[in-house]
Amino acid sequence: MFEENFCIKRIRELMEKNGYNTYRLAKQSGISLSTLSSMFEHNTEPRIETLEKICSACNISVAQFFERSSRDLSAEQNRMLDIYDSLSRKGRDMALSYLLFLAENE
């Protein structure tokens, strides 16, 4: 067996974080199930268009896909983002709603 490349590993990590299986990622991203399955089975690098769709489905930028640690933020902001990143999609939606509520009522 061969070792997975960075992109495949990262996509699988994002799928797990978002609770996606291959079918769900295909639906959320608009990428065909056969394209995703082939990419995983053959350990092939995704095309940039495919990567952009996957990132969109996972609510991250392409830059975040490749570099998750280069934030120019305070320690407190980094901690908040790490906690936010660890939440499920539903949890992130709830956290964002709460932050918006707080900002409006400050």
N, C-alpha and C. Protein backbone atom coordinates (compact mmCIF):
# COMPACT_ATOMS: atom_id res chain seq x y z
N MET A 1 0.85 -1.19 0.00
CA MET A 1 0.00 0.00 0.00
C MET A 1 0.89 1.24 0.00
N PHE A 2 0.46 2.28 -0.62
CA PHE A 2 1.22 3.51 -0.71
C PHE A 2 0.73 4.51 0.32
N GLU A 3 1.59 5.47 0.62
CA GLU A 3 1.24 6.50 1.59
C GLU A 3 0.37 7.57 0.93
N GLU A 4 -0.65 8.02 1.63
CA GLU A 4 -1.51 9.07 1.09
C GLU A 4 -0.76 10.38 0.97
N ASN A 5 -1.05 11.12 -0.09
CA ASN A 5 -0.42 12.43 -0.26
C ASN A 5 -1.09 13.45 0.68
N PHE A 6 -0.47 14.61 0.80
CA PHE A 6 -0.95 15.64 1.72
C PHE A 6 -2.41 16.00 1.46
N CYS A 7 -2.76 16.25 0.21
CA CYS A 7 -4.13 16.70 -0.10
C CYS A 7 -5.17 15.66 0.30
N ILE A 8 -4.90 14.41 0.01
CA ILE A 8 -5.85 13.35 0.37
C ILE A 8 -5.98 13.27 1.89
N LYS A 9 -4.85 13.31 2.59
CA LYS A 9 -4.90 13.28 4.06
C LYS A 9 -5.71 14.46 4.60
N ARG A 10 -5.46 15.64 4.05
CA ARG A 10 -6.13 16.85 4.52
C ARG A 10 -7.62 16.79 4.24
N ILE A 11 -7.98 16.29 3.06
CA ILE A 11 -9.41 16.16 2.71
C ILE A 11 -10.09 15.19 3.66
N ARG A 12 -9.45 14.09 3.94
CA ARG A 12 -10.02 13.12 4.89
C ARG A 12 -10.17 13.74 6.28
N GLU A 13 -9.20 14.53 6.68
CA GLU A 13 -9.27 15.23 7.97
C GLU A 13 -10.47 16.17 8.00
N LEU A 14 -10.67 16.92 6.93
CA LEU A 14 -11.81 17.84 6.85
C LEU A 14 -13.13 17.09 6.82
N MET A 15 -13.15 15.96 6.12
CA MET A 15 -14.37 15.15 6.08
C MET A 15 -14.75 14.68 7.48
N GLU A 16 -13.76 14.21 8.21
CA GLU A 16 -14.02 13.74 9.57
C GLU A 16 -14.52 14.89 10.45
N LYS A 17 -13.85 16.03 10.35
CA LYS A 17 -14.23 17.19 11.16
C LYS A 17 -15.66 17.63 10.88
N ASN A 18 -16.08 17.54 9.61
CA ASN A 18 -17.41 17.99 9.22
C ASN A 18 -18.46 16.88 9.23
N GLY A 19 -18.05 15.67 9.59
CA GLY A 19 -18.99 14.55 9.63
C GLY A 19 -19.42 14.09 8.24
N TYR A 20 -18.53 14.24 7.26
CA TYR A 20 -18.84 13.87 5.88
C TYR A 20 -18.28 12.49 5.56
N ASN A 21 -19.07 11.70 4.85
CA ASN A 21 -18.51 10.55 4.16
C ASN A 21 -18.31 11.00 2.71
N THR A 22 -17.85 10.12 1.85
CA THR A 22 -17.57 10.52 0.47
C THR A 22 -18.83 10.99 -0.23
N TYR A 23 -19.93 10.29 0.01
CA TYR A 23 -21.20 10.68 -0.63
C TYR A 23 -21.63 12.08 -0.18
N ARG A 24 -21.55 12.34 1.11
CA ARG A 24 -21.98 13.64 1.63
C ARG A 24 -21.08 14.77 1.11
N LEU A 25 -19.76 14.53 1.04
CA LEU A 25 -18.86 15.53 0.49
C LEU A 25 -19.19 15.80 -0.98
N ALA A 26 -19.52 14.76 -1.71
CA ALA A 26 -19.90 14.93 -3.12
C ALA A 26 -21.14 15.82 -3.22
N LYS A 27 -22.12 15.56 -2.41
CA LYS A 27 -23.35 16.36 -2.42
C LYS A 27 -23.09 17.81 -2.01
N GLN A 28 -22.32 18.02 -0.94
CA GLN A 28 -22.06 19.36 -0.43
C GLN A 28 -21.19 20.19 -1.37
N SER A 29 -20.29 19.51 -2.08
CA SER A 29 -19.33 20.22 -2.92
C SER A 29 -19.73 20.34 -4.38
N GLY A 30 -20.65 19.48 -4.81
CA GLY A 30 -21.02 19.47 -6.22
C GLY A 30 -20.03 18.70 -7.08
N ILE A 31 -19.17 17.93 -6.47
CA ILE A 31 -18.21 17.09 -7.18
C ILE A 31 -18.83 15.71 -7.32
N SER A 32 -18.64 15.08 -8.45
CA SER A 32 -19.25 13.76 -8.64
C SER A 32 -18.64 12.75 -7.68
N LEU A 33 -19.46 11.83 -7.26
CA LEU A 33 -19.02 10.78 -6.36
C LEU A 33 -17.91 9.96 -7.01
N SER A 34 -18.02 9.72 -8.31
CA SER A 34 -16.98 8.93 -8.99
C SER A 34 -15.65 9.67 -9.00
N THR A 35 -15.66 10.99 -9.13
CA THR A 35 -14.41 11.77 -9.10
C THR A 35 -13.75 11.64 -7.73
N LEU A 36 -14.53 11.83 -6.67
CA LEU A 36 -13.98 11.72 -5.32
C LEU A 36 -13.48 10.31 -5.03
N SER A 37 -14.27 9.32 -5.37
CA SER A 37 -13.88 7.93 -5.11
C SER A 37 -12.59 7.59 -5.84
N SER A 38 -12.49 8.00 -7.09
CA SER A 38 -11.29 7.74 -7.88
C SER A 38 -10.08 8.44 -7.27
N MET A 39 -10.28 9.66 -6.83
CA MET A 39 -9.20 10.44 -6.22
C MET A 39 -8.67 9.71 -4.98
N PHE A 40 -9.58 9.20 -4.13
CA PHE A 40 -9.18 8.50 -2.93
C PHE A 40 -8.55 7.14 -3.25
N GLU A 41 -9.15 6.40 -4.17
CA GLU A 41 -8.64 5.07 -4.50
C GLU A 41 -7.26 5.11 -5.13
N HIS A 42 -6.99 6.10 -5.97
CA HIS A 42 -5.73 6.18 -6.70
C HIS A 42 -4.73 7.16 -6.09
N ASN A 43 -5.10 7.77 -4.96
CA ASN A 43 -4.21 8.69 -4.25
C ASN A 43 -3.71 9.81 -5.18
N THR A 44 -4.63 10.37 -5.94
CA THR A 44 -4.26 11.42 -6.89
C THR A 44 -4.54 12.80 -6.33
N GLU A 45 -3.69 13.74 -6.69
CA GLU A 45 -3.88 15.13 -6.29
C GLU A 45 -5.14 15.68 -6.97
N PRO A 46 -5.98 16.38 -6.22
CA PRO A 46 -7.16 16.98 -6.86
C PRO A 46 -6.77 18.18 -7.72
N ARG A 47 -7.56 18.43 -8.75
CA ARG A 47 -7.38 19.64 -9.54
C ARG A 47 -7.76 20.83 -8.67
N ILE A 48 -7.27 22.00 -9.00
CA ILE A 48 -7.53 23.19 -8.18
C ILE A 48 -9.03 23.48 -8.11
N GLU A 49 -9.76 23.26 -9.20
CA GLU A 49 -11.21 23.48 -9.18
C GLU A 49 -11.89 22.55 -8.18
N THR A 50 -11.42 21.32 -8.14
CA THR A 50 -11.97 20.33 -7.19
C THR A 50 -11.64 20.75 -5.76
N LEU A 51 -10.41 21.16 -5.55
CA LEU A 51 -9.98 21.60 -4.23
C LEU A 51 -10.78 22.81 -3.76
N GLU A 52 -11.04 23.76 -4.65
CA GLU A 52 -11.83 24.94 -4.30
C GLU A 52 -13.23 24.54 -3.87
N LYS A 53 -13.84 23.58 -4.55
CA LYS A 53 -15.19 23.12 -4.19
C LYS A 53 -15.19 22.40 -2.84
N ILE A 54 -14.16 21.61 -2.58
CA ILE A 54 -14.06 20.91 -1.30
C ILE A 54 -13.90 21.93 -0.17
N CYS A 55 -13.04 22.92 -0.39
CA CYS A 55 -12.83 23.95 0.63
C CYS A 55 -14.13 24.71 0.90
N SER A 56 -14.84 25.05 -0.14
CA SER A 56 -16.11 25.75 0.02
C SER A 56 -17.10 24.91 0.83
N ALA A 57 -17.17 23.63 0.53
CA ALA A 57 -18.09 22.73 1.25
C ALA A 57 -17.71 22.60 2.72
N CYS A 58 -16.43 22.82 3.02
CA CYS A 58 -15.94 22.71 4.40
C CYS A 58 -15.79 24.07 5.09
N ASN A 59 -16.24 25.12 4.41
CA ASN A 59 -16.19 26.48 4.97
C ASN A 59 -14.78 26.95 5.31
N ILE A 60 -13.83 26.65 4.43
CA ILE A 60 -12.47 27.16 4.61
C ILE A 60 -11.98 27.68 3.27
N SER A 61 -10.93 28.49 3.31
CA SER A 61 -10.31 28.98 2.08
C SER A 61 -9.25 27.97 1.64
N VAL A 62 -8.83 28.10 0.39
CA VAL A 62 -7.76 27.25 -0.11
C VAL A 62 -6.48 27.50 0.69
N ALA A 63 -6.26 28.76 1.07
CA ALA A 63 -5.08 29.08 1.89
C ALA A 63 -5.14 28.34 3.22
N GLN A 64 -6.30 28.29 3.85
CA GLN A 64 -6.44 27.57 5.11
C GLN A 64 -6.23 26.07 4.92
N PHE A 65 -6.59 25.56 3.76
CA PHE A 65 -6.40 24.15 3.47
C PHE A 65 -4.92 23.78 3.57
N PHE A 66 -4.06 24.65 3.02
CA PHE A 66 -2.64 24.35 2.98
C PHE A 66 -1.86 24.83 4.20
N GLU A 67 -2.28 25.92 4.79
CA GLU A 67 -1.52 26.47 5.91
C GLU A 67 -2.46 26.85 7.03
N ARG A 68 -2.48 26.03 8.05
CA ARG A 68 -3.40 26.28 9.15
C ARG A 68 -2.75 26.98 10.32
N SER A 69 -1.44 27.15 10.30
CA SER A 69 -0.77 27.68 11.50
C SER A 69 -0.21 29.08 11.33
N SER A 70 -0.38 29.69 10.17
CA SER A 70 0.26 31.00 9.96
C SER A 70 -0.72 32.15 10.22
N ARG A 71 -1.26 32.19 11.41
CA ARG A 71 -2.18 33.26 11.77
C ARG A 71 -1.43 34.37 12.46
N ASP A 72 -1.76 35.61 12.13
CA ASP A 72 -1.15 36.76 12.80
C ASP A 72 -2.14 37.25 13.84
N LEU A 73 -2.39 36.41 14.84
CA LEU A 73 -3.41 36.69 15.84
C LEU A 73 -2.83 36.58 17.24
N SER A 74 -3.55 37.14 18.19
CA SER A 74 -3.13 37.02 19.59
C SER A 74 -3.35 35.58 20.05
N ALA A 75 -2.77 35.25 21.19
CA ALA A 75 -2.93 33.91 21.76
C ALA A 75 -4.41 33.63 22.05
N GLU A 76 -5.12 34.64 22.54
CA GLU A 76 -6.55 34.47 22.83
C GLU A 76 -7.34 34.21 21.54
N GLN A 77 -7.04 34.94 20.47
CA GLN A 77 -7.72 34.74 19.20
C GLN A 77 -7.40 33.35 18.63
N ASN A 78 -6.15 32.93 18.75
CA ASN A 78 -5.78 31.59 18.30
C ASN A 78 -6.54 30.52 19.06
N ARG A 79 -6.66 30.71 20.37
CA ARG A 79 -7.39 29.74 21.19
C ARG A 79 -8.86 29.67 20.76
N MET A 80 -9.46 30.84 20.53
CA MET A 80 -10.86 30.86 20.09
C MET A 80 -11.02 30.15 18.75
N LEU A 81 -10.10 30.39 17.83
CA LEU A 81 -10.19 29.73 16.52
C LEU A 81 -9.96 28.23 16.63
N ASP A 82 -9.04 27.82 17.49
CA ASP A 82 -8.82 26.39 17.68
C ASP A 82 -10.08 25.71 18.23
N ILE A 83 -10.73 26.36 19.18
CA ILE A 83 -11.98 25.82 19.73
C ILE A 83 -13.05 25.79 18.65
N TYR A 84 -13.19 26.87 17.91
CA TYR A 84 -14.17 26.94 16.82
C TYR A 84 -13.91 25.84 15.80
N ASP A 85 -12.66 25.64 15.43
CA ASP A 85 -12.30 24.61 14.45
C ASP A 85 -12.63 23.21 14.94
N SER A 86 -12.63 23.01 16.25
CA SER A 86 -12.88 21.68 16.80
C SER A 86 -14.37 21.35 16.86
N LEU A 87 -15.22 22.34 16.66
CA LEU A 87 -16.67 22.13 16.74
C LEU A 87 -17.21 21.48 15.47
N SER A 88 -18.36 20.85 15.61
CA SER A 88 -19.08 20.33 14.45
C SER A 88 -19.62 21.51 13.65
N ARG A 89 -20.12 21.23 12.48
CA ARG A 89 -20.72 22.30 11.66
C ARG A 89 -21.85 22.98 12.43
N LYS A 90 -22.68 22.19 13.10
CA LYS A 90 -23.79 22.76 13.88
C LYS A 90 -23.26 23.62 15.02
N GLY A 91 -22.22 23.14 15.70
CA GLY A 91 -21.62 23.90 16.78
C GLY A 91 -21.03 25.22 16.30
N ARG A 92 -20.37 25.18 15.12
CA ARG A 92 -19.80 26.41 14.56
C ARG A 92 -20.91 27.40 14.22
N ASP A 93 -22.01 26.90 13.66
CA ASP A 93 -23.14 27.79 13.34
C ASP A 93 -23.70 28.43 14.61
N MET A 94 -23.82 27.64 15.68
CA MET A 94 -24.34 28.16 16.94
C MET A 94 -23.38 29.19 17.54
N ALA A 95 -22.07 28.90 17.49
CA ALA A 95 -21.08 29.83 18.03
C ALA A 95 -21.11 31.14 17.27
N LEU A 96 -21.20 31.07 15.96
CA LEU A 96 -21.24 32.28 15.15
C LEU A 96 -22.51 33.08 15.45
N SER A 97 -23.63 32.40 15.58
CA SER A 97 -24.88 33.09 15.93
C SER A 97 -24.76 33.80 17.27
N TYR A 98 -24.15 33.14 18.24
CA TYR A 98 -23.98 33.74 19.56
C TYR A 98 -23.05 34.96 19.49
N LEU A 99 -21.95 34.84 18.75
CA LEU A 99 -21.04 35.98 18.61
C LEU A 99 -21.72 37.16 17.92
N LEU A 100 -22.52 36.89 16.92
CA LEU A 100 -23.26 37.96 16.25
C LEU A 100 -24.25 38.62 17.21
N PHE A 101 -24.93 37.79 18.02
CA PHE A 101 -25.84 38.33 19.02
C PHE A 101 -25.10 39.25 19.99
N LEU A 102 -23.94 38.79 20.48
CA LEU A 102 -23.15 39.60 21.41
C LEU A 102 -22.72 40.93 20.76
N ALA A 103 -22.26 40.86 19.52
CA ALA A 103 -21.80 42.07 18.83
C ALA A 103 -22.93 43.07 18.65
N GLU A 104 -24.12 42.58 18.36
CA GLU A 104 -25.26 43.47 18.16
C GLU A 104 -25.74 44.09 19.46
N ASN A 105 -25.51 43.42 20.56
CA ASN A 105 -26.00 43.89 21.85
C ASN A 105 -24.91 44.48 22.74
N GLU A 106 -23.78 44.78 22.22
CA GLU A 106 -22.68 45.40 22.95
C GLU A 106 -22.96 46.86 23.18
